[in-house]
Amino acid sequence: MAGYGVRKRETAVLAGGPADGVRIKVTDRPSVLQVTRPCGAEVPADDVRVEALYIYRRDLRVDDEPLRYGFDPASP
């Protein structure tokens, strides 16, 4: 099969939320991206880190580069 094993990398831009305007490279157009931001812990614990989690979903109406991922305000 032609192209077997070839993975396409494309530019995408994140819209809204804490990563608004960030441009990234994605492979195979994932439908969801996860963005994390470290949080400071008052009392650090060994081998434990705390991060805020944000979800971005691909805008299926955009078919050309840059792909667009919109912030999901219902992120956990």
Protein backbone atom coordinates (compact mmCIF):
# COMPACT_ATOMS: atom_id res chain seq x y z
CA MET A 1 0.00 0.00 0.00
CA ALA A 2 1.44 3.39 -0.99
CA GLY A 3 2.24 5.63 1.96
CA TYR A 4 2.09 2.81 4.49
CA GLY A 5 3.82 3.96 7.66
CA VAL A 6 4.00 7.59 6.50
CA ARG A 7 2.52 9.91 9.09
CA LYS A 8 1.53 13.44 8.10
CA ARG A 9 2.61 16.30 10.38
CA GLU A 10 0.62 19.52 10.20
CA THR A 11 0.60 22.88 11.92
CA ALA A 12 -2.27 23.57 14.30
CA VAL A 13 -3.24 26.57 16.39
CA LEU A 14 -4.96 26.47 19.79
CA ALA A 15 -7.85 28.90 20.27
CA GLY A 16 -9.13 30.12 23.63
CA GLY A 17 -8.24 29.00 27.12
CA PRO A 18 -4.80 29.23 28.69
CA ALA A 19 -2.92 28.22 25.50
CA ASP A 20 -4.69 30.69 23.18
CA GLY A 21 -2.63 31.33 20.06
CA VAL A 22 -0.07 28.58 20.66
CA ARG A 23 1.03 26.93 17.40
CA ILE A 24 2.04 23.28 17.44
CA LYS A 25 2.75 20.37 15.10
CA VAL A 26 0.32 17.44 15.20
CA THR A 27 0.49 14.02 13.56
CA ASP A 28 -2.53 12.31 11.99
CA ARG A 29 -5.02 15.01 13.08
CA PRO A 30 -5.92 13.89 16.61
CA SER A 31 -9.46 14.87 17.59
CA VAL A 32 -8.49 15.96 21.11
CA LEU A 33 -5.38 17.55 22.61
CA GLN A 34 -4.51 17.71 26.28
CA VAL A 35 -2.62 20.73 27.61
CA THR A 36 -1.23 20.83 31.14
CA ARG A 37 0.10 23.65 33.26
CA PRO A 38 2.12 23.00 36.43
CA CYS A 39 0.61 24.08 39.74
CA GLY A 40 2.66 24.92 42.79
CA ALA A 41 2.12 22.75 45.84
CA GLU A 42 2.43 24.40 49.27
CA VAL A 43 4.13 21.35 50.71
CA PRO A 44 6.00 19.43 47.99
CA ALA A 45 5.77 15.66 48.23
CA ASP A 46 8.30 13.19 46.89
CA ASP A 47 7.60 12.12 43.30
CA VAL A 48 4.27 14.01 43.19
CA ARG A 49 3.38 16.86 40.89
CA VAL A 50 0.14 18.76 40.43
CA GLU A 51 -0.95 20.02 37.03
CA ALA A 52 -4.04 21.77 35.71
CA LEU A 53 -5.53 19.89 32.73
CA TYR A 54 -7.13 21.62 29.72
CA ILE A 55 -8.78 19.97 26.72
CA TYR A 56 -8.79 21.30 23.14
CA ARG A 57 -10.99 19.73 20.46
CA ARG A 58 -10.32 19.87 16.72
CA ASP A 59 -12.59 22.12 14.69
CA LEU A 60 -13.80 19.74 11.98
CA ARG A 61 -14.82 22.66 9.75
CA VAL A 62 -11.15 23.56 9.23
CA ASP A 63 -9.54 21.23 6.70
CA ASP A 64 -6.39 23.19 5.75
CA GLU A 65 -3.35 24.26 7.74
CA PRO A 66 -3.24 25.60 10.26
CA LEU A 67 -5.71 23.19 11.79
CA ARG A 68 -7.69 24.71 14.64
CA TYR A 69 -8.29 23.30 18.10
CA GLY A 70 -10.78 25.09 20.33
CA PHE A 71 -10.70 25.19 24.11
CA ASP A 72 -13.33 23.02 25.76
CA PRO A 73 -14.61 25.01 28.75
CA ALA A 74 -16.03 21.81 30.23
CA SER A 75 -12.48 20.50 30.74
CA PRO A 76 -12.09 18.49 33.90
